[in-house]
Amino acid sequence: MKKVVISLFFLLFALAFFATPSFALHGGFTENTNTCFRCHDTHQADAKSLLNKNDVYQTCMSCHDGTTGSRSVNRTATESVFNENSPNAAGHTARVTGTFAGASSSMSAHLSSSVVKISAAPGGTTNPDAPGNWQGTFSCDSCHNAHGSYSSKVGRYLSNNPNGMVSVPVEQGGRALKDVPVVTTIDNNGPEFVFHNVEGKLTLKRKVQISNKGQYTTYWVEDKSPWMKVTPKTAIGTTVTADVTINANINNATTNHVPGLVPNITGAGINNIAKVDVERAYYVEAPANKSEYWQSTKVVNGATVPNMAGIQLSEFCSSCHSDYLVKSGGSTSVHSGESFYGHTTNSSSYTCVRCHYAHGTDANLMIDANGNSVFSLQRDRGLTLQQAQSHMNDTNSSLKKFVGSSSCWACHNSSKATNVVHDGKVTNDRPKTGMPAGR
């Protein structure tokens, strides 16, 4: 009986220790919180910032490696991944994260274990004098802030200042806007950003164009990005401070930032403001339905509006992959000045996470142009696991959701390809529905 009691005690202890905590670990702390010690040690820590593991990566993985019940970043089970992480999963179960724990030759992932510099990012720069934190090491906290985020909750604590790019001008891949004009009337032929004066309130608005078969519809969207710094100025550049109230700013606010609130400037002094400098925090309106990351529009209160989540997330990715934030029709490197052409990544329907996972990929996650996965190939075609993984083999997977270049074929099977090839044969493997369901 004594052995049974002791065994039961240790079982209950293990369940209590390893179970997913029902209290806040990364923010929203109570006044009697005792959660800090999950990550920190006050007097004998193993790393800087009083971390109780050797570095940021080890600290994060002590909970998120899949062994404690916390949200795992190492999901690998084929059926589980297909149902919950695959881009052709049903409805809102489509995911954008992927996994760090791929095991096949097709595996690729962001190296978040502090072994490479941020400058190693494709589309980034190795110039040691470039503004930003390019010489810093890449780790979990390069993309996430464990203590909170200005992005929506389902954004998983996305950092408000990845790579230190908030204060870097947009022309150099950052988020800072200089001399944004103040207008009372919106002009579709004007600049991309304006401060719109409506009934004594200045809000930052952005021009967004949505294409439908080559026909563009222009929308003006209020920019909800919190302001890290804002400087209202007269026409000759003198700072305006008298009778001006800055609302929902982070660092020099008259009132605090409220999630989802559009930052604005009010007060009698706004009539003296002709232009504004503003440094915007990175902000992602992460949707519960992840497929909204690549849907061009949505309906809000009966009105059709641009779906900004995908654009916001692509801009987040471009804090390191700066040259990959490209509009249709070519672009210029923000680092070298070299001209190039690249696939559109900053429209609301063509975004980074439409083709790539954020954490990593593997044969067990990828799909082909018809939406087949390792799991469905076994279930529907009777393939063995080895055969199905061979079908998904991609030694240059680059965090892709699709094997090889099948994402190209899935989208462009009607516009760029023909049924008849040069030897007169007709292809029978043409994707049947374009992008697979949920894409």
Protein backbone atom coordinates (compact mmCIF):
# COMPACT_ATOMS: atom_id res chain seq x y z
CA MET A 1 0.00 0.00 0.00
CA LYS A 2 2.86 2.35 0.88
CA LYS A 3 4.46 1.79 -2.57
CA VAL A 4 1.15 2.57 -4.27
CA VAL A 5 0.80 5.84 -2.33
CA ILE A 6 4.37 6.88 -3.16
CA SER A 7 3.90 6.02 -6.84
CA LEU A 8 0.65 7.97 -6.94
CA PHE A 9 2.38 10.96 -5.35
CA PHE A 10 5.10 11.04 -8.00
CA LEU A 11 2.53 10.58 -10.76
CA LEU A 12 0.51 13.56 -9.52
CA PHE A 13 3.73 15.60 -9.16
CA ALA A 14 4.74 14.81 -12.74
CA LEU A 15 1.32 15.70 -14.09
CA ALA A 16 1.33 18.98 -12.19
CA PHE A 17 4.85 19.89 -13.30
CA PHE A 18 4.64 18.96 -16.96
CA ALA A 19 1.03 19.86 -17.70
CA THR A 20 0.30 22.96 -19.73
CA PRO A 21 -0.03 25.74 -17.13
CA SER A 22 -3.45 27.31 -16.73
CA PHE A 23 -1.91 30.66 -15.78
CA ALA A 24 -0.10 33.30 -17.83
CA LEU A 25 3.60 32.70 -18.40
CA HIS A 26 4.38 35.39 -20.98
CA GLY A 27 2.28 38.32 -19.84
CA GLY A 28 -0.97 39.29 -18.17
CA PHE A 29 0.57 38.51 -14.81
CA THR A 30 -1.49 38.59 -11.63
CA GLU A 31 -0.42 40.66 -8.66
CA ASN A 32 0.70 37.52 -6.81
CA THR A 33 2.38 35.87 -9.81
CA ASN A 34 5.07 33.23 -9.32
CA THR A 35 5.70 32.45 -12.97
CA CYS A 36 8.95 34.40 -13.47
CA PHE A 37 10.99 31.46 -12.17
CA ARG A 38 9.89 29.31 -15.09
CA CYS A 39 12.46 31.16 -17.20
CA HIS A 40 14.64 33.16 -14.77
CA ASP A 41 16.90 32.54 -11.79
CA THR A 42 17.44 35.52 -9.54
CA HIS A 43 20.92 34.83 -8.16
CA GLN A 44 22.57 31.93 -10.01
CA ALA A 45 21.36 32.06 -13.58
CA ASP A 46 23.04 30.17 -16.42
CA ALA A 47 22.94 33.03 -18.92
CA LYS A 48 22.48 36.77 -19.36
CA SER A 49 19.09 38.26 -18.57
CA LEU A 50 19.02 35.82 -15.63
CA LEU A 51 17.94 32.97 -17.90
CA ASN A 52 17.86 29.60 -16.19
CA LYS A 53 19.19 27.83 -19.30
CA ASN A 54 22.34 28.38 -21.34
CA ASP A 55 20.75 30.76 -23.86
CA VAL A 56 17.43 32.00 -25.24
CA TYR A 57 16.95 28.96 -27.48
CA GLN A 58 17.48 26.45 -24.66
CA THR A 59 15.19 28.44 -22.37
CA CYS A 60 12.37 28.46 -24.91
CA MET A 61 12.81 24.81 -25.82
CA SER A 62 12.67 23.74 -22.17
CA CYS A 63 8.91 24.25 -22.53
CA HIS A 64 8.25 24.22 -26.27
CA ASP A 65 10.12 21.08 -27.35
CA GLY A 66 7.00 18.97 -26.96
CA THR A 67 7.88 17.28 -23.66
CA THR A 68 5.96 19.45 -21.19
CA GLY A 69 2.53 19.82 -22.74
CA SER A 70 3.18 23.43 -23.75
CA ARG A 71 2.69 24.39 -27.39
CA SER A 72 5.25 22.29 -29.24
CA VAL A 73 7.32 23.61 -32.14
CA ASN A 74 8.53 20.09 -32.89
CA ARG A 75 5.37 18.43 -34.18
CA THR A 76 6.31 15.62 -36.56
CA ALA A 77 3.54 12.98 -36.51
CA THR A 78 2.37 12.73 -40.11
CA GLU A 79 -1.37 12.58 -39.48
CA SER A 80 -1.26 15.25 -36.79
CA VAL A 81 0.75 17.57 -38.99
CA PHE A 82 -1.56 16.99 -41.94
CA ASN A 83 -4.67 17.74 -39.91
CA GLU A 84 -3.30 20.74 -38.05
CA ASN A 85 -0.32 22.25 -39.90
CA SER A 86 -0.77 21.44 -43.56
CA PRO A 87 -1.82 24.24 -45.92
CA ASN A 88 -4.57 22.02 -47.34
CA ALA A 89 -6.06 21.22 -43.95
CA ALA A 90 -9.72 22.06 -43.58
CA GLY A 91 -10.85 25.59 -42.76
CA HIS A 92 -9.04 27.54 -40.08
CA THR A 93 -6.76 24.62 -39.21
CA ALA A 94 -4.34 25.76 -41.92
CA ARG A 95 -1.11 26.79 -40.24
CA VAL A 96 1.85 29.03 -40.99
CA THR A 97 4.47 27.85 -38.47
CA GLY A 98 5.55 24.37 -39.58
CA THR A 99 8.09 22.54 -37.41
CA PHE A 100 11.70 22.65 -36.25
CA ALA A 101 11.89 18.86 -35.95
CA GLY A 102 11.94 17.50 -39.47
CA ALA A 103 13.87 14.26 -39.86
CA SER A 104 14.01 13.58 -43.61
CA SER A 105 16.45 14.84 -46.23
CA SER A 106 13.79 17.41 -47.15
CA MET A 107 14.00 19.13 -43.78
CA SER A 108 14.90 22.84 -43.56
CA ALA A 109 14.31 25.35 -40.78
CA HIS A 110 15.20 28.75 -39.44
CA LEU A 111 18.40 28.23 -37.43
CA SER A 112 17.10 29.75 -34.21
CA SER A 113 19.75 28.29 -31.89
CA SER A 114 22.10 31.31 -31.96
CA VAL A 115 24.55 29.67 -34.37
CA VAL A 116 24.26 32.16 -37.25
CA LYS A 117 24.13 35.93 -37.54
CA ILE A 118 21.00 37.69 -38.75
CA SER A 119 23.09 38.88 -41.71
CA ALA A 120 23.00 35.30 -43.04
CA ALA A 121 19.33 35.77 -43.98
CA PRO A 122 18.72 35.50 -47.73
CA GLY A 123 17.75 38.93 -48.99
CA GLY A 124 19.58 40.58 -46.10
CA THR A 125 23.00 42.23 -45.93
CA THR A 126 26.44 41.40 -44.56
CA ASN A 127 27.41 45.08 -44.51
CA PRO A 128 28.54 45.74 -40.92
CA ASP A 129 27.57 49.40 -41.26
CA ALA A 130 23.99 48.74 -42.36
CA PRO A 131 21.37 50.09 -39.92
CA GLY A 132 19.69 47.41 -37.84
CA ASN A 133 20.95 44.47 -35.79
CA TRP A 134 22.45 42.50 -38.67
CA GLN A 135 25.50 41.42 -36.65
CA GLY A 136 23.35 39.96 -33.87
CA THR A 137 22.79 36.20 -33.58
CA PHE A 138 19.51 34.71 -34.73
CA SER A 139 17.42 33.05 -32.02
CA CYS A 140 13.81 32.66 -30.90
CA ASP A 141 13.76 36.22 -29.59
CA SER A 142 14.71 37.53 -33.03
CA CYS A 143 11.06 37.02 -33.98
CA HIS A 144 9.27 36.68 -30.63
CA ASN A 145 9.04 38.73 -27.46
CA ALA A 146 8.42 36.42 -24.51
CA HIS A 147 6.95 39.21 -22.39
CA GLY A 148 4.28 40.40 -24.76
CA SER A 149 3.47 41.75 -28.18
CA TYR A 150 1.61 44.63 -29.79
CA SER A 151 0.32 42.21 -32.41
CA SER A 152 -2.92 40.35 -31.81
CA LYS A 153 -2.80 37.45 -29.34
CA VAL A 154 -2.88 34.69 -31.94
CA GLY A 155 0.27 36.24 -33.40
CA ARG A 156 2.25 34.28 -30.79
CA TYR A 157 4.16 37.17 -29.23
CA LEU A 158 5.67 38.54 -32.41
CA SER A 159 8.39 41.09 -31.69
CA ASN A 160 7.53 44.75 -32.20
CA ASN A 161 11.10 45.50 -33.35
CA PRO A 162 12.70 42.50 -35.13
CA ASN A 163 16.29 43.11 -36.23
CA GLY A 164 16.09 46.61 -34.73
CA MET A 165 14.46 47.91 -37.91
CA VAL A 166 11.77 50.18 -36.42
CA SER A 167 13.95 53.29 -36.66
CA VAL A 168 15.36 52.38 -40.10
CA PRO A 169 13.75 54.22 -43.07
CA VAL A 170 11.41 52.17 -45.26
CA GLU A 171 13.74 52.85 -48.18
CA GLN A 172 16.37 50.80 -46.32
CA GLY A 173 14.01 47.99 -45.37
CA GLY A 174 12.74 49.43 -42.07
CA ARG A 175 9.56 50.99 -40.69
CA ALA A 176 10.40 54.68 -40.29
CA LEU A 177 8.49 57.19 -42.40
CA LYS A 178 9.81 60.73 -42.88
CA ASP A 179 7.93 63.86 -43.89
CA VAL A 180 4.57 62.14 -44.37
CA PRO A 181 2.26 64.90 -45.65
CA VAL A 182 -0.88 65.99 -43.82
CA VAL A 183 -3.90 66.15 -46.13
CA THR A 184 -7.57 66.94 -45.78
CA THR A 185 -8.52 65.25 -49.06
CA ILE A 186 -7.34 61.80 -50.15
CA ASP A 187 -5.77 61.64 -53.62
CA ASN A 188 -5.45 58.18 -55.19
CA ASN A 189 -2.54 59.49 -57.27
CA GLY A 190 -0.71 60.72 -54.19
CA PRO A 191 1.95 59.03 -52.02
CA GLU A 192 1.46 55.63 -50.37
CA PHE A 193 1.24 57.11 -46.85
CA VAL A 194 -0.54 60.27 -45.68
CA PHE A 195 -1.74 61.72 -42.40
CA HIS A 196 -5.44 62.35 -42.97
CA ASN A 197 -7.01 65.25 -41.07
CA VAL A 198 -10.63 64.34 -40.38
CA GLU A 199 -12.59 66.51 -37.96
CA GLY A 200 -9.57 67.51 -35.92
CA LYS A 201 -7.87 64.10 -35.76
CA LEU A 202 -4.77 63.03 -37.70
CA THR A 203 -4.48 59.33 -38.53
CA LEU A 204 -1.88 57.59 -40.68
CA LYS A 205 -3.47 56.05 -43.77
CA ARG A 206 -1.98 53.76 -46.36
CA LYS A 207 -2.89 53.26 -50.00
CA VAL A 208 -3.56 49.60 -50.83
CA GLN A 209 -4.38 48.42 -54.34
CA ILE A 210 -6.17 45.13 -54.94
CA SER A 211 -5.91 43.58 -58.40
CA ASN A 212 -8.65 41.56 -60.06
CA LYS A 213 -7.54 40.29 -63.47
CA GLY A 214 -5.45 43.39 -64.04
CA GLN A 215 -8.08 45.84 -62.80
CA TYR A 216 -7.02 47.66 -59.62
CA THR A 217 -9.27 48.91 -56.85
CA THR A 218 -7.69 51.47 -54.51
CA TYR A 219 -8.40 51.42 -50.79
CA TRP A 220 -7.14 53.70 -48.03
CA VAL A 221 -6.53 51.78 -44.83
CA GLU A 222 -5.85 53.19 -41.37
CA ASP A 223 -2.43 52.00 -40.19
CA LYS A 224 -2.83 50.42 -36.74
CA SER A 225 0.90 50.01 -36.12
CA PRO A 226 1.79 51.50 -32.72
CA TRP A 227 4.18 54.44 -32.89
CA MET A 228 7.57 54.07 -31.24
CA LYS A 229 8.37 57.71 -31.95
CA VAL A 230 6.47 60.50 -33.68
CA THR A 231 7.49 64.05 -34.55
CA PRO A 232 4.83 66.47 -35.90
CA LYS A 233 6.40 69.31 -37.91
CA THR A 234 5.56 72.55 -39.63
CA ALA A 235 6.12 73.03 -43.35
CA ILE A 236 9.67 74.30 -42.67
CA GLY A 237 10.47 71.39 -40.34
CA THR A 238 9.98 72.95 -36.90
CA THR A 239 8.65 70.47 -34.31
CA VAL A 240 5.08 71.17 -33.19
CA THR A 241 4.44 70.51 -29.51
CA ALA A 242 1.95 73.15 -28.37
CA ASP A 243 -1.68 72.03 -28.03
CA VAL A 244 -0.93 68.60 -29.49
CA THR A 245 -2.03 65.29 -27.97
CA ILE A 246 -0.41 62.09 -29.23
CA ASN A 247 -2.67 59.09 -28.62
CA ALA A 248 -1.81 55.38 -28.59
CA ASN A 249 1.90 55.91 -29.01
CA ILE A 250 4.34 53.65 -27.16
CA ASN A 251 7.33 55.65 -26.02
CA ASN A 252 6.28 59.30 -25.92
CA ALA A 253 2.52 58.99 -25.63
CA THR A 254 0.11 61.28 -23.88
CA THR A 255 -2.13 58.23 -23.55
CA ASN A 256 -1.11 54.56 -23.57
CA HIS A 257 -1.28 52.21 -26.52
CA VAL A 258 -4.44 50.12 -26.67
CA PRO A 259 -4.34 46.99 -28.89
CA GLY A 260 -6.32 47.53 -32.09
CA LEU A 261 -6.68 51.28 -31.56
CA VAL A 262 -5.56 53.44 -34.47
CA PRO A 263 -2.85 55.85 -33.24
CA ASN A 264 -3.75 59.47 -33.80
CA ILE A 265 -2.88 63.09 -33.08
CA THR A 266 -5.47 65.56 -31.76
CA GLY A 267 -5.57 69.06 -30.29
CA ALA A 268 -5.83 72.61 -31.60
CA GLY A 269 -2.17 72.51 -32.59
CA ILE A 270 -2.72 70.03 -35.41
CA ASN A 271 -3.60 72.94 -37.68
CA ASN A 272 0.10 73.87 -37.53
CA ILE A 273 1.23 70.39 -38.60
CA ALA A 274 2.18 70.01 -42.27
CA LYS A 275 4.16 66.77 -42.12
CA VAL A 276 5.06 64.04 -39.65
CA ASP A 277 8.01 61.73 -38.98
CA VAL A 278 6.95 58.43 -37.44
CA GLU A 279 8.70 55.21 -36.43
CA ARG A 280 6.16 52.37 -36.46
CA ALA A 281 6.37 49.18 -34.45
CA TYR A 282 5.89 45.94 -36.37
CA TYR A 283 2.27 44.95 -35.98
CA VAL A 284 0.40 41.90 -37.30
CA GLU A 285 -3.37 41.50 -37.07
CA ALA A 286 -2.91 37.74 -36.85
CA PRO A 287 -6.21 36.05 -37.79
CA ALA A 288 -7.64 32.96 -36.12
CA ASN A 289 -8.25 31.61 -39.62
CA LYS A 290 -4.71 31.45 -40.98
CA SER A 291 -5.88 31.28 -44.59
CA GLU A 292 -6.68 35.00 -44.26
CA TYR A 293 -2.94 35.56 -44.57
CA TRP A 294 -3.32 35.03 -48.32
CA GLN A 295 -6.87 36.25 -48.96
CA SER A 296 -6.97 39.65 -50.64
CA THR A 297 -10.12 41.05 -49.01
CA LYS A 298 -12.55 40.44 -46.18
CA VAL A 299 -15.94 41.82 -45.17
CA VAL A 300 -16.10 43.99 -42.06
CA ASN A 301 -19.46 45.43 -40.98
CA GLY A 302 -20.84 44.75 -44.44
CA ALA A 303 -18.01 46.50 -46.28
CA THR A 304 -15.27 44.88 -48.37
CA VAL A 305 -11.82 45.91 -47.15
CA PRO A 306 -8.25 44.77 -47.86
CA ASN A 307 -7.03 41.91 -45.71
CA MET A 308 -3.90 43.46 -44.19
CA ALA A 309 -2.68 40.47 -42.13
CA GLY A 310 -0.62 38.94 -44.93
CA ILE A 311 0.99 42.25 -45.90
CA GLN A 312 1.83 42.92 -42.25
CA LEU A 313 3.40 39.48 -41.83
CA SER A 314 5.42 39.82 -45.06
CA GLU A 315 6.74 43.15 -43.80
CA PHE A 316 7.65 41.39 -40.54
CA CYS A 317 9.60 38.75 -42.48
CA SER A 318 11.31 41.48 -44.50
CA SER A 319 12.89 42.95 -41.37
CA CYS A 320 15.59 40.34 -42.11
CA HIS A 321 14.76 39.30 -45.70
CA SER A 322 14.59 42.91 -46.86
CA ASP A 323 15.13 42.42 -50.58
CA TYR A 324 12.37 39.82 -50.78
CA LEU A 325 9.59 42.34 -50.09
CA VAL A 326 8.73 42.94 -53.72
CA LYS A 327 5.88 44.50 -55.63
CA SER A 328 4.90 43.22 -59.06
CA GLY A 329 7.00 44.64 -61.85
CA GLY A 330 10.51 44.49 -60.45
CA SER A 331 12.36 46.09 -57.56
CA THR A 332 15.69 47.42 -56.38
CA SER A 333 17.84 46.02 -53.60
CA VAL A 334 17.64 48.18 -50.49
CA HIS A 335 21.21 47.14 -49.68
CA SER A 336 23.18 47.05 -52.93
CA GLY A 337 21.08 49.19 -55.27
CA GLU A 338 21.01 46.31 -57.77
CA SER A 339 17.84 45.97 -59.83
CA PHE A 340 16.07 42.63 -59.99
CA TYR A 341 12.72 40.93 -60.48
CA GLY A 342 11.03 38.86 -57.81
CA HIS A 343 7.68 37.29 -57.13
CA THR A 344 5.19 39.61 -55.47
CA THR A 345 5.23 39.18 -51.69
CA ASN A 346 3.59 42.32 -50.35
CA SER A 347 0.09 42.20 -51.77
CA SER A 348 -2.71 40.93 -49.58
CA SER A 349 -3.02 37.73 -51.64
CA TYR A 350 0.66 37.02 -52.37
CA THR A 351 2.49 36.83 -49.06
CA CYS A 352 5.52 35.02 -47.65
CA VAL A 353 3.46 32.48 -45.71
CA ARG A 354 1.44 31.49 -48.74
CA CYS A 355 4.44 29.49 -49.95
CA HIS A 356 6.66 29.13 -46.86
CA TYR A 357 6.41 28.01 -43.26
CA ALA A 358 7.80 30.33 -40.60
CA HIS A 359 9.68 27.76 -38.51
CA GLY A 360 10.58 24.95 -40.88
CA THR A 361 9.41 22.23 -43.20
CA ASP A 362 9.86 18.54 -43.91
CA ALA A 363 8.56 15.87 -46.29
CA ASN A 364 5.84 15.10 -43.75
CA LEU A 365 4.51 18.66 -44.02
CA MET A 366 4.87 19.51 -47.68
CA ILE A 367 2.19 18.91 -50.29
CA ASP A 368 2.23 18.68 -54.07
CA ALA A 369 0.34 20.77 -56.62
CA ASN A 370 -2.85 18.76 -56.11
CA GLY A 371 -2.72 19.02 -52.33
CA ASN A 372 -1.47 15.47 -51.73
CA SER A 373 0.56 14.93 -48.57
CA VAL A 374 2.56 12.02 -47.18
CA PHE A 375 -0.48 11.13 -45.11
CA SER A 376 -3.06 11.35 -47.92
CA LEU A 377 -0.83 9.45 -50.37
CA GLN A 378 -0.79 6.52 -47.94
CA ARG A 379 -4.49 6.81 -47.18
CA ASP A 380 -5.83 7.37 -50.71
CA ARG A 381 -3.26 5.78 -53.03
CA GLY A 382 -1.97 2.97 -50.87
CA LEU A 383 1.64 4.14 -50.97
CA THR A 384 4.03 3.05 -48.24
CA LEU A 385 5.50 5.72 -45.98
CA GLN A 386 8.82 5.43 -47.79
CA GLN A 387 7.16 5.82 -51.20
CA ALA A 388 5.12 8.81 -50.02
CA GLN A 389 8.18 10.52 -48.56
CA SER A 390 10.07 9.88 -51.79
CA HIS A 391 7.26 11.66 -53.66
CA MET A 392 7.84 14.63 -51.34
CA ASN A 393 11.64 14.55 -51.53
CA ASP A 394 13.10 18.06 -51.83
CA THR A 395 16.73 18.64 -50.86
CA ASN A 396 16.31 22.39 -51.38
CA SER A 397 13.09 22.76 -49.42
CA SER A 398 13.78 26.30 -48.11
CA LEU A 399 10.91 26.23 -45.57
CA LYS A 400 8.46 25.63 -48.44
CA LYS A 401 4.90 24.35 -48.00
CA PHE A 402 5.02 22.73 -51.45
CA VAL A 403 7.50 20.18 -52.72
CA GLY A 404 9.87 21.43 -55.42
CA SER A 405 8.26 24.12 -57.54
CA SER A 406 4.79 22.59 -57.34
CA SER A 407 3.46 25.80 -55.77
CA CYS A 408 4.16 27.46 -59.15
CA TRP A 409 2.30 24.70 -61.00
CA ALA A 410 -0.62 24.83 -58.57
CA CYS A 411 -1.17 28.54 -59.23
CA HIS A 412 -0.10 28.88 -62.86
CA ASN A 413 -1.53 25.70 -64.35
CA SER A 414 -4.11 27.65 -66.36
CA SER A 415 -2.37 30.94 -67.10
CA LYS A 416 1.16 29.90 -68.06
CA ALA A 417 1.06 26.22 -69.02
CA THR A 418 -0.66 24.25 -71.78
CA ASN A 419 -2.00 20.71 -71.95
CA VAL A 420 0.10 19.87 -75.00
CA VAL A 421 3.85 19.48 -74.65
CA HIS A 422 6.43 19.53 -77.44
CA ASP A 423 6.39 15.80 -78.08
CA GLY A 424 2.65 15.87 -78.68
CA LYS A 425 1.67 14.11 -75.48
CA VAL A 426 -1.10 15.41 -73.26
CA THR A 427 -0.30 15.83 -69.58
CA ASN A 428 -2.70 14.12 -67.21
CA ASP A 429 -1.30 15.39 -63.93
CA ARG A 430 -2.50 18.96 -64.29
CA PRO A 431 -3.67 20.35 -60.92
CA LYS A 432 -7.42 19.98 -60.84
CA THR A 433 -8.43 22.90 -58.66
CA GLY A 434 -5.59 25.42 -58.73
CA MET A 435 -4.25 26.13 -55.27
CA PRO A 436 -5.34 23.33 -52.89
CA ALA A 437 -8.17 23.89 -50.46
CA GLY A 438 -7.40 26.32 -47.67
CA ARG A 439 -4.76 28.07 -49.78
